[in-house]
Amino acid sequence: MSGACYLAIDTSNYTTSTAVFQNGKVIHSKKLLPVKEGQLGLRQSDAVFHHTVQLPQMIELLSEKIRLKDIRAVGASFTPRNVEGSYMPCFLVGSGLARSIRSVLDIPLYRFSHQQGHISAGIYSSGHFELFEQKHLAFHISGGTTEALIVNPDKENIISATLTGKTLDLNAGQLIDRVGVMMGLSFPCGKELETLALHFFGKVGKINPTVKNCDCCLSGVENICRKMYQSGVVKEEIAFYVLQYIEQTLFMMTKNIFRQYGKMPVLFSGGVMSNSIIRKNLTEKLGAFFAEPEFSTDNAGGIAVLTALKENEIIC
């Protein structure tokens, strides 16, 4: 494939990911970090090691689909969020390689946050490119983040996000993984939990989300699910309960944010938002936009799009 391409790298605490934006399309090459059975994630030192092993493999796979001479710029996730003090060692692996590529190829290097990448991936994969130039509410819901952000167009940063709501304890993805591992599922547990929930056809008890203004609390749900599991409630019902609780929490947060800041388009991204049950309900209730599942989980696709935009490439 020929034509100007824009290389991107993202080394999160879950996935080693590379991507290019070329001829209006994103091409991925990514791989989950290995987690031992029964564990709930990785230490940063282990994540750094696995990225060091896997990143060359992802670059090699990607290089089979592009030509070196077509690379016009490289972008990478340097931090988890675009705020002062945001730092995780795992991002050093990808950002370090990006710096090396910049030096060797003598091309521009663009620095982004992992969160900017998620929002960009959501805008791109949902097809609502107007959100790059329109104020909107963006939720980033994953194992490491549960945040609501008001996003404003920004010529320099493209995506400028202001935190307006967050979890006060557990992240939504952490809740899913803790309940899933408790029930014997494999980490990360999102897919298996969704499969269980889709096989539940009954009704769960009344759900009362803990939402404080625009923030939420999720830790109490883990205790509720543990009691359900210990009392013999079937896994399918517990899985459905967890997802319903998260969906209703996000809905209540959105309504509170609307009351405070006014209505605006809503975009959901992050690994948890690949869930079909949550997606269906919030689309019906809010008319919300969602990143496609391939672009919901950690990926460098959004970084590739941002890199192209910095080079004034037309993406739509």
Protein backbone atom coordinates (compact mmCIF):
# COMPACT_ATOMS: atom_id res chain seq x y z
CA MET A 1 0.00 0.00 0.00
CA SER A 2 1.37 3.42 -0.92
CA GLY A 3 0.54 6.98 0.14
CA ALA A 4 1.52 9.17 3.05
CA CYS A 5 1.19 7.31 6.33
CA TYR A 6 1.34 8.36 9.97
CA LEU A 7 2.77 5.92 12.48
CA ALA A 8 1.52 5.66 16.07
CA ILE A 9 2.58 3.76 19.20
CA ASP A 10 0.71 3.16 22.46
CA THR A 11 2.09 1.04 25.31
CA SER A 12 -0.58 1.01 28.00
CA ASN A 13 -0.81 -1.23 31.05
CA TYR A 14 -3.00 -3.64 29.05
CA THR A 15 -1.91 -3.68 25.40
CA THR A 16 1.10 -3.23 23.14
CA SER A 17 -0.28 -1.36 20.14
CA THR A 18 0.96 0.16 16.90
CA ALA A 19 -1.07 1.64 14.07
CA VAL A 20 -0.83 3.74 10.95
CA PHE A 21 -3.29 6.13 9.35
CA GLN A 22 -3.01 5.86 5.58
CA ASN A 23 -5.38 6.63 2.71
CA GLY A 24 -8.16 7.50 5.14
CA LYS A 25 -7.97 4.22 7.08
CA VAL A 26 -6.41 2.98 10.31
CA ILE A 27 -4.39 -0.23 10.23
CA HIS A 28 -3.77 -1.90 13.63
CA SER A 29 -1.19 -4.25 15.05
CA LYS A 30 -1.73 -4.93 18.75
CA LYS A 31 -1.39 -7.59 21.42
CA LEU A 32 -2.61 -7.89 25.01
CA LEU A 33 0.00 -8.08 27.74
CA PRO A 34 0.10 -11.58 29.30
CA VAL A 35 -1.45 -11.87 32.77
CA LYS A 36 -1.17 -15.04 34.86
CA GLU A 37 -4.40 -16.86 35.70
CA GLY A 38 -6.07 -15.49 38.82
CA GLN A 39 -4.18 -12.19 38.77
CA LEU A 40 -5.82 -8.78 38.38
CA GLY A 41 -3.27 -7.05 36.18
CA LEU A 42 0.45 -6.40 36.03
CA ARG A 43 3.04 -4.50 38.00
CA GLN A 44 4.53 -1.64 36.00
CA SER A 45 7.92 -3.37 35.89
CA ASP A 46 6.31 -6.45 34.32
CA ALA A 47 4.35 -4.32 31.85
CA VAL A 48 7.56 -2.58 30.77
CA PHE A 49 9.25 -5.95 30.24
CA HIS A 50 6.41 -7.38 28.15
CA HIS A 51 6.19 -4.22 26.02
CA THR A 52 9.93 -4.47 25.39
CA VAL A 53 9.37 -8.01 24.07
CA GLN A 54 6.15 -7.39 22.15
CA LEU A 55 6.65 -3.94 20.62
CA PRO A 56 9.26 -5.06 18.03
CA GLN A 57 6.87 -7.85 17.02
CA MET A 58 4.02 -5.37 16.49
CA ILE A 59 6.24 -3.04 14.46
CA GLU A 60 7.39 -5.98 12.32
CA LEU A 61 3.79 -7.01 11.61
CA LEU A 62 2.83 -3.45 10.74
CA SER A 63 5.87 -3.00 8.49
CA GLU A 64 4.54 -5.77 6.24
CA LYS A 65 1.60 -3.51 5.33
CA ILE A 66 3.38 -0.17 4.75
CA ARG A 67 6.48 1.22 3.08
CA LEU A 68 9.14 2.90 5.20
CA LYS A 69 9.51 5.78 2.75
CA ASP A 70 5.78 6.63 3.13
CA ILE A 71 6.01 7.45 6.86
CA ARG A 72 5.57 11.22 7.21
CA ALA A 73 5.32 11.56 11.01
CA VAL A 74 5.18 9.51 14.20
CA GLY A 75 2.99 9.99 17.27
CA ALA A 76 2.94 8.23 20.63
CA SER A 77 1.23 8.16 24.01
CA PHE A 78 3.69 9.75 26.43
CA THR A 79 1.36 9.97 29.45
CA PRO A 80 -1.94 8.48 30.68
CA ARG A 81 -3.69 11.89 30.69
CA ASN A 82 -2.83 15.31 29.36
CA VAL A 83 -2.42 16.87 32.80
CA GLU A 84 0.59 17.85 34.84
CA GLY A 85 2.10 14.97 36.81
CA SER A 86 0.40 12.22 34.80
CA TYR A 87 2.91 9.41 34.47
CA MET A 88 3.21 5.64 34.12
CA PRO A 89 6.48 3.82 33.33
CA CYS A 90 4.89 1.57 30.69
CA PHE A 91 4.51 4.53 28.32
CA LEU A 92 8.29 5.01 28.30
CA VAL A 93 8.65 1.96 26.05
CA GLY A 94 6.48 3.31 23.23
CA SER A 95 7.50 6.94 23.56
CA GLY A 96 11.16 5.95 23.60
CA LEU A 97 10.82 4.01 20.35
CA ALA A 98 8.90 6.91 18.79
CA ARG A 99 11.74 9.26 19.67
CA SER A 100 14.23 6.88 18.05
CA ILE A 101 12.13 6.61 14.88
CA ARG A 102 11.89 10.40 14.72
CA SER A 103 15.68 10.71 14.90
CA VAL A 104 16.44 7.97 12.37
CA LEU A 105 13.86 9.02 9.78
CA ASP A 106 14.12 12.78 10.46
CA ILE A 107 10.35 13.21 10.66
CA PRO A 108 8.07 15.13 13.05
CA LEU A 109 7.19 13.55 16.41
CA TYR A 110 3.92 14.36 18.17
CA ARG A 111 3.27 13.74 21.85
CA PHE A 112 -0.20 12.80 23.04
CA SER A 113 -1.83 11.24 26.08
CA HIS A 114 -3.35 7.78 26.14
CA GLN A 115 -6.70 9.41 26.98
CA GLN A 116 -6.53 11.72 23.96
CA GLY A 117 -5.97 8.60 21.88
CA HIS A 118 -9.11 6.95 23.27
CA ILE A 119 -11.28 9.99 22.54
CA SER A 120 -9.83 10.32 19.05
CA ALA A 121 -10.42 6.61 18.38
CA GLY A 122 -14.03 7.06 19.47
CA ILE A 123 -14.60 10.03 17.19
CA TYR A 124 -12.96 8.31 14.23
CA SER A 125 -14.60 4.90 14.57
CA SER A 126 -18.07 6.31 15.33
CA GLY A 127 -17.88 8.32 12.10
CA HIS A 128 -18.75 11.57 13.86
CA PHE A 129 -15.75 13.56 12.70
CA GLU A 130 -17.56 16.80 13.53
CA LEU A 131 -16.72 16.18 17.19
CA PHE A 132 -13.11 17.16 16.46
CA GLU A 133 -14.51 20.68 15.99
CA GLN A 134 -17.44 20.60 18.41
CA LYS A 135 -17.80 20.79 22.18
CA HIS A 136 -18.93 17.45 23.58
CA LEU A 137 -18.98 15.22 26.63
CA ALA A 138 -16.55 12.30 26.43
CA PHE A 139 -16.50 9.36 28.82
CA HIS A 140 -13.30 7.32 29.11
CA ILE A 141 -14.30 4.08 30.85
CA SER A 142 -11.68 1.37 31.30
CA GLY A 143 -9.73 -0.64 33.83
CA GLY A 144 -7.56 2.34 34.69
CA THR A 145 -9.97 5.22 34.18
CA THR A 146 -13.57 6.15 34.84
CA GLU A 147 -13.86 9.79 33.86
CA ALA A 148 -16.26 12.21 32.22
CA LEU A 149 -14.60 15.04 30.33
CA ILE A 150 -15.88 18.11 28.54
CA VAL A 151 -13.91 18.30 25.31
CA ASN A 152 -13.34 21.54 23.42
CA PRO A 153 -11.70 21.95 20.01
CA ASP A 154 -8.08 23.01 20.34
CA LYS A 155 -5.92 23.95 17.36
CA GLU A 156 -2.69 23.06 19.14
CA ASN A 157 -3.74 19.89 21.04
CA ILE A 158 -6.73 18.98 18.80
CA ILE A 159 -8.42 17.47 21.87
CA SER A 160 -8.53 19.62 25.02
CA ALA A 161 -10.40 17.87 27.82
CA THR A 162 -11.51 19.18 31.22
CA LEU A 163 -12.39 16.66 33.92
CA THR A 164 -15.98 17.08 35.12
CA GLY A 165 -16.82 13.69 36.68
CA LYS A 166 -14.92 10.66 37.94
CA THR A 167 -15.01 7.58 40.13
CA LEU A 168 -14.20 8.16 43.79
CA ASP A 169 -12.99 4.59 44.30
CA LEU A 170 -12.97 1.67 41.83
CA ASN A 171 -12.81 2.09 38.07
CA ALA A 172 -15.55 0.37 36.06
CA GLY A 173 -13.07 -2.01 34.45
CA GLN A 174 -11.59 -2.89 37.84
CA LEU A 175 -15.06 -3.75 39.10
CA ILE A 176 -15.71 -6.03 36.12
CA ASP A 177 -12.35 -7.76 36.51
CA ARG A 178 -12.66 -8.24 40.28
CA VAL A 179 -16.13 -9.74 39.99
CA GLY A 180 -15.07 -11.82 36.98
CA VAL A 181 -11.96 -13.27 38.63
CA MET A 182 -14.05 -13.99 41.74
CA MET A 183 -16.28 -16.14 39.51
CA GLY A 184 -13.32 -17.88 37.84
CA LEU A 185 -13.20 -15.88 34.60
CA SER A 186 -9.98 -15.02 32.76
CA PHE A 187 -8.44 -11.55 33.09
CA PRO A 188 -9.35 -9.20 31.52
CA CYS A 189 -12.89 -10.38 32.18
CA GLY A 190 -15.02 -8.08 30.04
CA LYS A 191 -15.78 -10.44 27.16
CA GLU A 192 -16.58 -13.47 29.31
CA LEU A 193 -18.72 -11.37 31.67
CA GLU A 194 -20.67 -9.99 28.72
CA THR A 195 -21.26 -13.51 27.38
CA LEU A 196 -22.66 -14.59 30.76
CA ALA A 197 -24.89 -11.51 30.98
CA LEU A 198 -26.31 -12.10 27.51
CA HIS A 199 -27.57 -15.49 28.74
CA PHE A 200 -29.56 -14.00 31.60
CA PHE A 201 -33.23 -13.42 30.78
CA GLY A 202 -34.69 -12.63 34.19
CA LYS A 203 -34.87 -9.44 36.21
CA VAL A 204 -32.48 -8.12 38.83
CA GLY A 205 -33.45 -6.19 41.93
CA LYS A 206 -33.68 -2.41 41.95
CA ILE A 207 -30.37 -0.71 41.28
CA ASN A 208 -29.55 2.50 43.13
CA PRO A 209 -26.29 3.92 41.74
CA THR A 210 -24.12 5.93 44.11
CA VAL A 211 -23.64 9.20 42.24
CA LYS A 212 -22.48 12.33 44.06
CA ASN A 213 -23.06 15.36 41.86
CA CYS A 214 -21.04 14.34 38.76
CA ASP A 215 -18.87 11.71 40.49
CA CYS A 216 -19.62 8.08 41.25
CA CYS A 217 -18.69 5.26 43.65
CA LEU A 218 -18.46 1.64 42.49
CA SER A 219 -16.68 -0.25 45.27
CA GLY A 220 -19.91 -1.24 47.04
CA VAL A 221 -21.00 -3.26 44.02
CA GLU A 222 -18.12 -5.68 44.49
CA ASN A 223 -19.37 -6.51 47.98
CA ILE A 224 -22.93 -6.96 46.74
CA CYS A 225 -21.74 -9.34 44.01
CA ARG A 226 -19.61 -11.33 46.44
CA LYS A 227 -22.64 -11.86 48.68
CA MET A 228 -24.72 -12.87 45.66
CA TYR A 229 -22.07 -15.37 44.56
CA GLN A 230 -21.66 -16.83 48.05
CA SER A 231 -25.41 -17.24 48.39
CA GLY A 232 -25.63 -19.26 45.18
CA VAL A 233 -26.91 -16.68 42.69
CA VAL A 234 -26.04 -17.85 39.17
CA LYS A 235 -23.08 -16.24 37.41
CA GLU A 236 -25.28 -15.00 34.56
CA GLU A 237 -27.39 -12.89 36.93
CA ILE A 238 -24.35 -11.47 38.71
CA ALA A 239 -22.77 -10.52 35.39
CA PHE A 240 -25.95 -8.83 34.24
CA TYR A 241 -26.25 -6.98 37.54
CA VAL A 242 -22.72 -5.56 37.29
CA LEU A 243 -23.24 -4.28 33.75
CA GLN A 244 -26.64 -2.81 34.56
CA TYR A 245 -25.16 -1.03 37.55
CA ILE A 246 -22.38 0.51 35.46
CA GLU A 247 -24.80 1.55 32.72
CA GLN A 248 -27.20 3.21 35.15
CA THR A 249 -24.32 4.95 36.92
CA LEU A 250 -23.08 6.44 33.65
CA PHE A 251 -26.61 7.50 32.73
CA MET A 252 -27.10 9.30 36.05
CA MET A 253 -23.69 10.99 35.78
CA THR A 254 -24.60 12.22 32.30
CA LYS A 255 -27.92 13.66 33.44
CA ASN A 256 -26.22 15.49 36.31
CA ILE A 257 -23.56 16.89 33.98
CA PHE A 258 -26.28 18.08 31.58
CA ARG A 259 -28.02 19.89 34.44
CA GLN A 260 -24.78 21.63 35.37
CA TYR A 261 -23.24 22.34 31.95
CA GLY A 262 -26.10 22.01 29.47
CA LYS A 263 -26.84 19.31 26.91
CA MET A 264 -24.21 18.36 24.35
CA PRO A 265 -23.26 15.34 22.22
CA VAL A 266 -21.99 12.37 24.26
CA LEU A 267 -19.17 10.03 23.25
CA PHE A 268 -18.18 6.83 25.07
CA SER A 269 -14.76 5.20 24.66
CA GLY A 270 -12.50 2.86 26.60
CA GLY A 271 -12.46 -0.91 26.93
CA VAL A 272 -15.60 -1.20 29.06
CA MET A 273 -17.57 0.62 26.37
CA SER A 274 -17.12 -2.26 23.93
CA ASN A 275 -19.87 -4.00 25.93
CA SER A 276 -22.95 -4.50 23.75
CA ILE A 277 -25.46 -4.31 26.63
CA ILE A 278 -24.22 -0.96 27.92
CA ARG A 279 -23.87 0.37 24.38
CA LYS A 280 -27.45 -0.54 23.42
CA ASN A 281 -29.03 0.97 26.53
CA LEU A 282 -27.10 4.25 26.51
CA THR A 283 -27.61 4.70 22.78
CA GLU A 284 -31.36 4.41 23.32
CA LYS A 285 -31.41 6.68 26.39
CA LEU A 286 -28.95 9.37 25.31
CA GLY A 287 -28.46 9.05 21.57
CA ALA A 288 -24.81 8.63 22.50
CA PHE A 289 -21.96 7.82 20.14
CA PHE A 290 -19.62 4.89 20.82
CA ALA A 291 -16.20 3.82 19.67
CA GLU A 292 -16.45 0.62 17.67
CA PRO A 293 -15.31 -2.42 19.73
CA GLU A 294 -11.99 -2.66 17.86
CA PHE A 295 -11.32 0.97 18.81
CA SER A 296 -12.75 0.80 22.35
CA THR A 297 -10.01 -1.27 23.92
CA ASP A 298 -6.51 0.18 24.24
CA ASN A 299 -5.13 0.87 20.77
CA ALA A 300 -2.85 3.23 18.88
CA GLY A 301 -5.50 3.98 16.24
CA GLY A 302 -6.61 7.23 17.82
CA ILE A 303 -3.00 8.38 18.15
CA ALA A 304 -2.49 7.67 14.43
CA VAL A 305 -5.51 9.83 13.60
CA LEU A 306 -4.26 12.66 15.83
CA THR A 307 -0.83 12.46 14.21
CA ALA A 308 -2.41 12.76 10.77
CA LEU A 309 -4.47 15.74 11.90
CA LYS A 310 -1.34 17.46 13.22
CA GLU A 311 0.08 17.07 9.71
CA ASN A 312 -3.12 18.64 8.28
CA GLU A 313 -4.25 15.37 6.72
CA ILE A 314 -7.96 15.23 5.90
CA ILE A 315 -9.46 12.21 7.68
CA CYS A 316 -13.09 12.21 6.52
